[in-house]
Amino acid sequence: MQGIYCGVFVSAFAEYFIRNRQFPIKFDVDQYRSRLACLLWNYGLNKQKEDAESESEFPKRKIKIKDKVIRHQV
């Protein structure tokens, strides 16, 4: 049964690794899937609001890295 969750674990591990966080001992697959679904849904809605059809048309956003604000294209 764990084989069907392989992609979810790989995705979660990559996210935790990129953010330099320790992977939790108890990992709720359903909660993580729901969170990703909400993020993707919100991303799609924002693209529709901006009338963007591709990544290059999506507006740039500000991100903060170590007290510095930079412009980053999503």
PDB file of N, CA and C in Angstrom:
ATOM      1  N   MET A   1       0.816  -1.190   0.000  1.00  0.00           N
ATOM      2  CA  MET A   1       0.000   0.000   0.000  1.00  0.00           C
ATOM      3  C   MET A   1       0.867   1.265   0.000  1.00  0.00           C
ATOM      4  N   GLN A   2       2.077   1.202   0.507  1.00  0.00           N
ATOM      5  CA  GLN A   2       2.919   2.384   0.544  1.00  0.00           C
ATOM      6  C   GLN A   2       3.391   2.780  -0.848  1.00  0.00           C
ATOM      7  N   GLY A   3       3.388   1.874  -1.801  1.00  0.00           N
ATOM      8  CA  GLY A   3       3.832   2.181  -3.150  1.00  0.00           C
ATOM      9  C   GLY A   3       2.992   3.251  -3.825  1.00  0.00           C
ATOM     10  N   ILE A   4       1.716   3.331  -3.479  1.00  0.00           N
ATOM     11  CA  ILE A   4       0.852   4.331  -4.101  1.00  0.00           C
ATOM     12  C   ILE A   4       1.118   5.730  -3.562  1.00  0.00           C
ATOM     13  N   TYR A   5       1.819   5.826  -2.450  1.00  0.00           N
ATOM     14  CA  TYR A   5       2.141   7.117  -1.855  1.00  0.00           C
ATOM     15  C   TYR A   5       3.545   7.592  -2.210  1.00  0.00           C
ATOM     16  N   CYS A   6       4.257   6.869  -3.029  1.00  0.00           N
ATOM     17  CA  CYS A   6       5.650   7.181  -3.339  1.00  0.00           C
ATOM     18  C   CYS A   6       5.815   8.614  -3.853  1.00  0.00           C
ATOM     19  N   GLY A   7       4.991   9.017  -4.787  1.00  0.00           N
ATOM     20  CA  GLY A   7       5.086  10.365  -5.344  1.00  0.00           C
ATOM     21  C   GLY A   7       4.848  11.443  -4.308  1.00  0.00           C
ATOM     22  N   VAL A   8       3.917  11.193  -3.386  1.00  0.00           N
ATOM     23  CA  VAL A   8       3.619  12.158  -2.333  1.00  0.00           C
ATOM     24  C   VAL A   8       4.826  12.313  -1.417  1.00  0.00           C
ATOM     25  N   PHE A   9       5.451  11.191  -1.053  1.00  0.00           N
ATOM     26  CA  PHE A   9       6.617  11.256  -0.181  1.00  0.00           C
ATOM     27  C   PHE A   9       7.798  11.937  -0.871  1.00  0.00           C
ATOM     28  N   VAL A  10       7.997  11.678  -2.136  1.00  0.00           N
ATOM     29  CA  VAL A  10       9.088  12.321  -2.876  1.00  0.00           C
ATOM     30  C   VAL A  10       8.856  13.828  -2.940  1.00  0.00           C
ATOM     31  N   SER A  11       7.633  14.225  -3.236  1.00  0.00           N
ATOM     32  CA  SER A  11       7.291  15.648  -3.299  1.00  0.00           C
ATOM     33  C   SER A  11       7.487  16.322  -1.944  1.00  0.00           C
ATOM     34  N   ALA A  12       7.001  15.679  -0.898  1.00  0.00           N
ATOM     35  CA  ALA A  12       7.127  16.250   0.448  1.00  0.00           C
ATOM     36  C   ALA A  12       8.593  16.317   0.872  1.00  0.00           C
ATOM     37  N   PHE A  13       9.344  15.257   0.595  1.00  0.00           N
ATOM     38  CA  PHE A  13      10.760  15.255   0.959  1.00  0.00           C
ATOM     39  C   PHE A  13      11.497  16.397   0.250  1.00  0.00           C
ATOM     40  N   ALA A  14      11.214  16.588  -1.030  1.00  0.00           N
ATOM     41  CA  ALA A  14      11.852  17.667  -1.784  1.00  0.00           C
ATOM     42  C   ALA A  14      11.508  19.024  -1.165  1.00  0.00           C
ATOM     43  N   GLU A  15      10.253  19.213  -0.794  1.00  0.00           N
ATOM     44  CA  GLU A  15       9.842  20.482  -0.190  1.00  0.00           C
ATOM     45  C   GLU A  15      10.557  20.716   1.140  1.00  0.00           C
ATOM     46  N   TYR A  16      10.597  19.701   1.993  1.00  0.00           N
ATOM     47  CA  TYR A  16      11.273  19.842   3.284  1.00  0.00           C
ATOM     48  C   TYR A  16      12.772  20.055   3.089  1.00  0.00           C
ATOM     49  N   PHE A  17      13.364  19.376   2.123  1.00  0.00           N
ATOM     50  CA  PHE A  17      14.791  19.509   1.851  1.00  0.00           C
ATOM     51  C   PHE A  17      15.128  20.921   1.368  1.00  0.00           C
ATOM     52  N   ILE A  18      14.325  21.446   0.446  1.00  0.00           N
ATOM     53  CA  ILE A  18      14.564  22.786  -0.087  1.00  0.00           C
ATOM     54  C   ILE A  18      14.437  23.835   1.009  1.00  0.00           C
ATOM     55  N   ARG A  19      13.497  23.649   1.893  1.00  0.00           N
ATOM     56  CA  ARG A  19      13.281  24.612   2.977  1.00  0.00           C
ATOM     57  C   ARG A  19      14.167  24.346   4.185  1.00  0.00           C
ATOM     58  N   ASN A  20      15.048  23.352   4.069  1.00  0.00           N
ATOM     59  CA  ASN A  20      16.007  23.002   5.120  1.00  0.00           C
ATOM     60  C   ASN A  20      15.295  22.664   6.435  1.00  0.00           C
ATOM     61  N   ARG A  21      14.235  21.882   6.328  1.00  0.00           N
ATOM     62  CA  ARG A  21      13.476  21.455   7.493  1.00  0.00           C
ATOM     63  C   ARG A  21      13.590  19.952   7.643  1.00  0.00           C
ATOM     64  N   GLN A  22      13.453  19.485   8.857  1.00  0.00           N
ATOM     65  CA  GLN A  22      13.514  18.052   9.119  1.00  0.00           C
ATOM     66  C   GLN A  22      12.174  17.413   8.742  1.00  0.00           C
ATOM     67  N   PHE A  23      12.245  16.285   8.048  1.00  0.00           N
ATOM     68  CA  PHE A  23      11.034  15.568   7.650  1.00  0.00           C
ATOM     69  C   PHE A  23      10.364  15.009   8.911  1.00  0.00           C
ATOM     70  N   PRO A  24       9.047  15.209   9.070  1.00  0.00           N
ATOM     71  CA  PRO A  24       8.372  14.760  10.292  1.00  0.00           C
ATOM     72  C   PRO A  24       8.311  13.241  10.396  1.00  0.00           C
ATOM     73  N   ILE A  25       8.343  12.762  11.618  1.00  0.00           N
ATOM     74  CA  ILE A  25       8.250  11.318  11.860  1.00  0.00           C
ATOM     75  C   ILE A  25       6.850  10.826  11.503  1.00  0.00           C
ATOM     76  N   LYS A  26       5.835  11.568  11.916  1.00  0.00           N
ATOM     77  CA  LYS A  26       4.452  11.238  11.562  1.00  0.00           C
ATOM     78  C   LYS A  26       4.050  12.154  10.420  1.00  0.00           C
ATOM     79  N   PHE A  27       3.817  11.570   9.269  1.00  0.00           N
ATOM     80  CA  PHE A  27       3.489  12.339   8.071  1.00  0.00           C
ATOM     81  C   PHE A  27       2.093  11.978   7.619  1.00  0.00           C
ATOM     82  N   ASP A  28       1.209  12.964   7.560  1.00  0.00           N
ATOM     83  CA  ASP A  28      -0.176  12.748   7.149  1.00  0.00           C
ATOM     84  C   ASP A  28      -0.298  12.978   5.640  1.00  0.00           C
ATOM     85  N   VAL A  29      -0.397  11.890   4.889  1.00  0.00           N
ATOM     86  CA  VAL A  29      -0.444  11.944   3.431  1.00  0.00           C
ATOM     87  C   VAL A  29      -1.671  12.713   2.950  1.00  0.00           C
ATOM     88  N   ASP A  30      -2.817  12.439   3.544  1.00  0.00           N
ATOM     89  CA  ASP A  30      -4.051  13.105   3.111  1.00  0.00           C
ATOM     90  C   ASP A  30      -3.994  14.613   3.351  1.00  0.00           C
ATOM     91  N   GLN A  31      -3.446  15.029   4.484  1.00  0.00           N
ATOM     92  CA  GLN A  31      -3.320  16.451   4.780  1.00  0.00           C
ATOM     93  C   GLN A  31      -2.369  17.111   3.781  1.00  0.00           C
ATOM     94  N   TYR A  32      -1.269  16.451   3.452  1.00  0.00           N
ATOM     95  CA  TYR A  32      -0.311  17.015   2.500  1.00  0.00           C
ATOM     96  C   TYR A  32      -0.937  17.130   1.107  1.00  0.00           C
ATOM     97  N   ARG A  33      -1.666  16.102   0.692  1.00  0.00           N
ATOM     98  CA  ARG A  33      -2.348  16.151  -0.607  1.00  0.00           C
ATOM     99  C   ARG A  33      -3.364  17.290  -0.661  1.00  0.00           C
ATOM    100  N   SER A  34      -4.113  17.466   0.419  1.00  0.00           N
ATOM    101  CA  SER A  34      -5.104  18.549   0.476  1.00  0.00           C
ATOM    102  C   SER A  34      -4.420  19.901   0.403  1.00  0.00           C
ATOM    103  N   ARG A  35      -3.303  20.053   1.110  1.00  0.00           N
ATOM    104  CA  ARG A  35      -2.561  21.309   1.085  1.00  0.00           C
ATOM    105  C   ARG A  35      -2.066  21.619  -0.316  1.00  0.00           C
ATOM    106  N   LEU A  36      -1.501  20.628  -0.995  1.00  0.00           N
ATOM    107  CA  LEU A  36      -1.018  20.834  -2.362  1.00  0.00           C
ATOM    108  C   LEU A  36      -2.164  21.173  -3.308  1.00  0.00           C
ATOM    109  N   ALA A  37      -3.286  20.499  -3.136  1.00  0.00           N
ATOM    110  CA  ALA A  37      -4.442  20.780  -3.986  1.00  0.00           C
ATOM    111  C   ALA A  37      -4.904  22.224  -3.803  1.00  0.00           C
ATOM    112  N   CYS A  38      -4.936  22.701  -2.563  1.00  0.00           N
ATOM    113  CA  CYS A  38      -5.340  24.090  -2.293  1.00  0.00           C
ATOM    114  C   CYS A  38      -4.347  25.077  -2.898  1.00  0.00           C
ATOM    115  N   LEU A  39      -3.053  24.791  -2.772  1.00  0.00           N
ATOM    116  CA  LEU A  39      -2.041  25.680  -3.344  1.00  0.00           C
ATOM    117  C   LEU A  39      -2.170  25.764  -4.860  1.00  0.00           C
ATOM    118  N   LEU A  40      -2.359  24.622  -5.505  1.00  0.00           N
ATOM    119  CA  LEU A  40      -2.488  24.614  -6.961  1.00  0.00           C
ATOM    120  C   LEU A  40      -3.776  25.300  -7.414  1.00  0.00           C
ATOM    121  N   TRP A  41      -4.854  25.084  -6.677  1.00  0.00           N
ATOM    122  CA  TRP A  41      -6.118  25.733  -6.994  1.00  0.00           C
ATOM    123  C   TRP A  41      -5.968  27.253  -6.897  1.00  0.00           C
ATOM    124  N   ASN A  42      -5.357  27.724  -5.821  1.00  0.00           N
ATOM    125  CA  ASN A  42      -5.152  29.154  -5.626  1.00  0.00           C
ATOM    126  C   ASN A  42      -4.240  29.723  -6.716  1.00  0.00           C
ATOM    127  N   TYR A  43      -3.219  28.998  -7.083  1.00  0.00           N
ATOM    128  CA  TYR A  43      -2.315  29.428  -8.145  1.00  0.00           C
ATOM    129  C   TYR A  43      -3.078  29.586  -9.470  1.00  0.00           C
ATOM    130  N   GLY A  44      -3.935  28.624  -9.769  1.00  0.00           N
ATOM    131  CA  GLY A  44      -4.739  28.687 -10.985  1.00  0.00           C
ATOM    132  C   GLY A  44      -5.699  29.869 -10.987  1.00  0.00           C
ATOM    133  N   LEU A  45      -6.329  30.123  -9.839  1.00  0.00           N
ATOM    134  CA  LEU A  45      -7.236  31.271  -9.733  1.00  0.00           C
ATOM    135  C   LEU A  45      -6.491  32.585  -9.935  1.00  0.00           C
ATOM    136  N   ASN A  46      -5.299  32.686  -9.350  1.00  0.00           N
ATOM    137  CA  ASN A  46      -4.511  33.912  -9.511  1.00  0.00           C
ATOM    138  C   ASN A  46      -4.094  34.113 -10.958  1.00  0.00           C
ATOM    139  N   LYS A  47      -3.777  33.036 -11.647  1.00  0.00           N
ATOM    140  CA  LYS A  47      -3.427  33.161 -13.066  1.00  0.00           C
ATOM    141  C   LYS A  47      -4.632  33.624 -13.876  1.00  0.00           C
ATOM    142  N   GLN A  48      -5.824  33.130 -13.537  1.00  0.00           N
ATOM    143  CA  GLN A  48      -7.031  33.561 -14.235  1.00  0.00           C
ATOM    144  C   GLN A  48      -7.317  35.032 -13.978  1.00  0.00           C
ATOM    145  N   LYS A  49      -7.130  35.480 -12.742  1.00  0.00           N
ATOM    146  CA  LYS A  49      -7.361  36.894 -12.405  1.00  0.00           C
ATOM    147  C   LYS A  49      -6.425  37.801 -13.196  1.00  0.00           C
ATOM    148  N   GLU A  50      -5.204  37.364 -13.385  1.00  0.00           N
ATOM    149  CA  GLU A  50      -4.214  38.161 -14.109  1.00  0.00           C
ATOM    150  C   GLU A  50      -4.296  37.934 -15.616  1.00  0.00           C
ATOM    151  N   ASP A  51      -5.198  37.046 -16.027  1.00  0.00           N
ATOM    152  CA  ASP A  51      -5.375  36.698 -17.434  1.00  0.00           C
ATOM    153  C   ASP A  51      -4.061  36.200 -18.060  1.00  0.00           C
ATOM    154  N   ALA A  52      -3.325  35.402 -17.289  1.00  0.00           N
ATOM    155  CA  ALA A  52      -2.053  34.857 -17.752  1.00  0.00           C
ATOM    156  C   ALA A  52      -2.280  33.455 -18.317  1.00  0.00           C
ATOM    157  N   GLU A  53      -1.688  33.176 -19.452  1.00  0.00           N
ATOM    158  CA  GLU A  53      -1.820  31.865 -20.071  1.00  0.00           C
ATOM    159  C   GLU A  53      -0.588  30.993 -19.879  1.00  0.00           C
ATOM    160  N   SER A  54       0.546  31.598 -19.570  1.00  0.00           N
ATOM    161  CA  SER A  54       1.770  30.816 -19.379  1.00  0.00           C
ATOM    162  C   SER A  54       2.557  31.402 -18.216  1.00  0.00           C
ATOM    163  N   GLU A  55       3.615  30.701 -17.817  1.00  0.00           N
ATOM    164  CA  GLU A  55       4.455  31.157 -16.711  1.00  0.00           C
ATOM    165  C   GLU A  55       5.076  32.514 -16.996  1.00  0.00           C
ATOM    166  N   SER A  56       5.478  32.758 -18.230  1.00  0.00           N
ATOM    167  CA  SER A  56       6.157  34.009 -18.558  1.00  0.00           C
ATOM    168  C   SER A  56       5.217  35.211 -18.469  1.00  0.00           C
ATOM    169  N   GLU A  57       3.913  34.970 -18.560  1.00  0.00           N
ATOM    170  CA  GLU A  57       2.937  36.059 -18.477  1.00  0.00           C
ATOM    171  C   GLU A  57       2.472  36.320 -17.050  1.00  0.00           C
ATOM    172  N   PHE A  58       2.760  35.413 -16.144  1.00  0.00           N
ATOM    173  CA  PHE A  58       2.314  35.562 -14.765  1.00  0.00           C
ATOM    174  C   PHE A  58       3.129  36.665 -14.096  1.00  0.00           C
ATOM    175  N   PRO A  59       2.501  37.572 -13.352  1.00  0.00           N
ATOM    176  CA  PRO A  59       3.228  38.709 -12.777  1.00  0.00           C
ATOM    177  C   PRO A  59       4.292  38.265 -11.774  1.00  0.00           C
ATOM    178  N   LYS A  60       5.328  39.085 -11.673  1.00  0.00           N
ATOM    179  CA  LYS A  60       6.394  38.800 -10.720  1.00  0.00           C
ATOM    180  C   LYS A  60       5.902  39.088  -9.318  1.00  0.00           C
ATOM    181  N   ARG A  61       6.455  38.365  -8.370  1.00  0.00           N
ATOM    182  CA  ARG A  61       6.092  38.600  -6.979  1.00  0.00           C
ATOM    183  C   ARG A  61       7.353  38.874  -6.172  1.00  0.00           C
ATOM    184  N   LYS A  62       7.167  39.499  -5.031  1.00  0.00           N
ATOM    185  CA  LYS A  62       8.285  39.792  -4.153  1.00  0.00           C
ATOM    186  C   LYS A  62       8.477  38.634  -3.189  1.00  0.00           C
ATOM    187  N   ILE A  63       9.719  38.242  -2.977  1.00  0.00           N
ATOM    188  CA  ILE A  63      10.023  37.247  -1.961  1.00  0.00           C
ATOM    189  C   ILE A  63      11.100  37.825  -1.053  1.00  0.00           C
ATOM    190  N   LYS A  64      11.102  37.409   0.193  1.00  0.00           N
ATOM    191  CA  LYS A  64      12.038  37.929   1.175  1.00  0.00           C
ATOM    192  C   LYS A  64      13.041  36.850   1.538  1.00  0.00           C
ATOM    193  N   ILE A  65      14.312  37.150   1.359  1.00  0.00           N
ATOM    194  CA  ILE A  65      15.376  36.219   1.715  1.00  0.00           C
ATOM    195  C   ILE A  65      16.356  36.967   2.609  1.00  0.00           C
ATOM    196  N   LYS A  66      16.441  36.538   3.855  1.00  0.00           N
ATOM    197  CA  LYS A  66      17.371  37.125   4.819  1.00  0.00           C
ATOM    198  C   LYS A  66      17.296  38.651   4.831  1.00  0.00           C
ATOM    199  N   ASP A  67      16.097  39.163   5.090  1.00  0.00           N
ATOM    200  CA  ASP A  67      15.848  40.595   5.214  1.00  0.00           C
ATOM    201  C   ASP A  67      16.070  41.390   3.932  1.00  0.00           C
ATOM    202  N   LYS A  68      16.133  40.728   2.779  1.00  0.00           N
ATOM    203  CA  LYS A  68      16.245  41.419   1.507  1.00  0.00           C
ATOM    204  C   LYS A  68      15.033  41.057   0.665  1.00  0.00           C
ATOM    205  N   VAL A  69      14.414  42.033   0.080  1.00  0.00           N
ATOM    206  CA  VAL A  69      13.261  41.792  -0.788  1.00  0.00           C
ATOM    207  C   VAL A  69      13.769  41.828  -2.234  1.00  0.00           C
ATOM    208  N   ILE A  70      13.480  40.769  -2.963  1.00  0.00           N
ATOM    209  CA  ILE A  70      13.864  40.718  -4.361  1.00  0.00           C
ATOM    210  C   ILE A  70      12.651  40.407  -5.205  1.00  0.00           C
ATOM    211  N   ARG A  71      12.721  40.704  -6.477  1.00  0.00           N
ATOM    212  CA  ARG A  71      11.641  40.370  -7.393  1.00  0.00           C
ATOM    213  C   ARG A  71      11.923  38.988  -7.948  1.00  0.00           C
ATOM    214  N   HIS A  72      10.926  38.157  -7.948  1.00  0.00           N
ATOM    215  CA  HIS A  72      11.084  36.785  -8.408  1.00  0.00           C
ATOM    216  C   HIS A  72       9.909  36.429  -9.301  1.00  0.00           C
ATOM    217  N   GLN A  73      10.205  35.838 -10.432  1.00  0.00           N
ATOM    218  CA  GLN A  73       9.135  35.411 -11.339  1.00  0.00           C
ATOM    219  C   GLN A  73       8.724  33.995 -10.968  1.00  0.00           C
ATOM    220  N   VAL A  74       7.449  33.785 -10.776  1.00  0.00           N
ATOM    221  CA  VAL A  74       6.928  32.471 -10.399  1.00  0.00           C
ATOM    222  C   VAL A  74       6.887  31.581 -11.609  1.00  0.00           C
TER     223      VAL A  74
END
